Amino acid sequence: MTDDDLLPKENAKPQDLDIYSIEELEDRIIRLKEEIIRCEGKIISKKASLDAANALFGKK
């Protein structure tokens, strides 16, 4: 399984998970959770930047 397997594809059908072993599925879940945490961190960072800009320049 590659990192590309984790990326959502537009109009993609759900992957057939039957081909993966239990260990591979558990690994996939760990990596997906890590990616969710990374995305949530980026959202927090972007909101902080936006809030700082709005405080400095005023929200329009």
C-alpha atoms as a PDB file:
ATOM      1  CA  MET A   1       0.000   0.000   0.000  1.00  0.00           C
ATOM      2  CA  THR A   2       1.377   3.419  -0.933  1.00  0.00           C
ATOM      3  CA  ASP A   3       0.603   6.891   0.388  1.00  0.00           C
ATOM      4  CA  ASP A   4      -1.314   7.484  -2.839  1.00  0.00           C
ATOM      5  CA  ASP A   5      -3.776   4.864  -1.619  1.00  0.00           C
ATOM      6  CA  LEU A   6      -4.686   7.252   1.197  1.00  0.00           C
ATOM      7  CA  LEU A   7      -5.456  10.205  -1.027  1.00  0.00           C
ATOM      8  CA  PRO A   8      -9.079  10.744  -1.935  1.00  0.00           C
ATOM      9  CA  LYS A   9      -9.706  10.500  -5.631  1.00  0.00           C
ATOM     10  CA  GLU A  10     -12.479  12.449  -7.241  1.00  0.00           C
ATOM     11  CA  ASN A  11     -15.399  10.195  -8.143  1.00  0.00           C
ATOM     12  CA  ALA A  12     -13.452   7.252  -6.774  1.00  0.00           C
ATOM     13  CA  LYS A  13     -15.229   4.123  -5.727  1.00  0.00           C
ATOM     14  CA  PRO A  14     -14.434   2.814  -2.257  1.00  0.00           C
ATOM     15  CA  GLN A  15     -11.458   0.486  -2.287  1.00  0.00           C
ATOM     16  CA  ASP A  16     -11.997  -3.224  -1.958  1.00  0.00           C
ATOM     17  CA  LEU A  17     -10.650  -3.816   1.535  1.00  0.00           C
ATOM     18  CA  ASP A  18     -10.984  -7.581   1.224  1.00  0.00           C
ATOM     19  CA  ILE A  19      -7.572  -7.725  -0.440  1.00  0.00           C
ATOM     20  CA  TYR A  20      -5.814  -6.437   2.683  1.00  0.00           C
ATOM     21  CA  SER A  21      -4.714  -8.452   5.685  1.00  0.00           C
ATOM     22  CA  ILE A  22      -5.717  -7.483   9.210  1.00  0.00           C
ATOM     23  CA  GLU A  23      -2.257  -6.023   9.774  1.00  0.00           C
ATOM     24  CA  GLU A  24      -2.472  -3.970   6.585  1.00  0.00           C
ATOM     25  CA  LEU A  25      -5.898  -2.673   7.547  1.00  0.00           C
ATOM     26  CA  GLU A  26      -4.674  -1.715  11.014  1.00  0.00           C
ATOM     27  CA  ASP A  27      -1.693   0.059   9.451  1.00  0.00           C
ATOM     28  CA  ARG A  28      -4.024   1.855   7.051  1.00  0.00           C
ATOM     29  CA  ILE A  29      -6.186   3.056   9.951  1.00  0.00           C
ATOM     30  CA  ILE A  30      -3.111   4.364  11.792  1.00  0.00           C
ATOM     31  CA  ARG A  31      -1.901   6.251   8.726  1.00  0.00           C
ATOM     32  CA  LEU A  32      -5.358   7.674   8.024  1.00  0.00           C
ATOM     33  CA  LYS A  33      -5.665   8.864  11.631  1.00  0.00           C
ATOM     34  CA  GLU A  34      -2.215  10.470  11.357  1.00  0.00           C
ATOM     35  CA  GLU A  35      -3.318  12.245   8.185  1.00  0.00           C
ATOM     36  CA  ILE A  36      -6.496  13.474   9.896  1.00  0.00           C
ATOM     37  CA  ILE A  37      -4.403  14.879  12.763  1.00  0.00           C
ATOM     38  CA  ARG A  38      -2.098  16.567  10.245  1.00  0.00           C
ATOM     39  CA  CYS A  39      -5.086  18.109   8.453  1.00  0.00           C
ATOM     40  CA  GLU A  40      -6.636  19.287  11.719  1.00  0.00           C
ATOM     41  CA  GLY A  41      -3.326  20.911  12.672  1.00  0.00           C
ATOM     42  CA  LYS A  42      -3.190  22.724   9.352  1.00  0.00           C
ATOM     43  CA  ILE A  43      -6.773  23.959   9.815  1.00  0.00           C
ATOM     44  CA  ILE A  44      -5.872  25.343  13.259  1.00  0.00           C
ATOM     45  CA  SER A  45      -2.796  27.060  11.817  1.00  0.00           C
ATOM     46  CA  LYS A  46      -4.735  28.591   8.930  1.00  0.00           C
ATOM     47  CA  LYS A  47      -7.513  29.806  11.241  1.00  0.00           C
ATOM     48  CA  ALA A  48      -4.913  31.436  13.504  1.00  0.00           C
ATOM     49  CA  SER A  49      -3.351  33.193  10.512  1.00  0.00           C
ATOM     50  CA  LEU A  50      -6.753  34.350   9.313  1.00  0.00           C
ATOM     51  CA  ASP A  51      -7.696  35.587  12.790  1.00  0.00           C
ATOM     52  CA  ALA A  52      -4.402  37.501  13.039  1.00  0.00           C
ATOM     53  CA  ALA A  53      -4.948  39.107   9.641  1.00  0.00           C
ATOM     54  CA  ASN A  54      -8.525  40.006  10.532  1.00  0.00           C
ATOM     55  CA  ALA A  55      -7.365  41.543  13.832  1.00  0.00           C
ATOM     56  CA  LEU A  56      -4.722  43.587  12.044  1.00  0.00           C
ATOM     57  CA  PHE A  57      -6.672  44.658   8.983  1.00  0.00           C
ATOM     58  CA  GLY A  58     -10.247  44.234  10.147  1.00  0.00           C
ATOM     59  CA  LYS A  59     -12.637  41.670   8.801  1.00  0.00           C
ATOM     60  CA  LYS A  60     -14.306  42.598   5.534  1.00  0.00           C
END
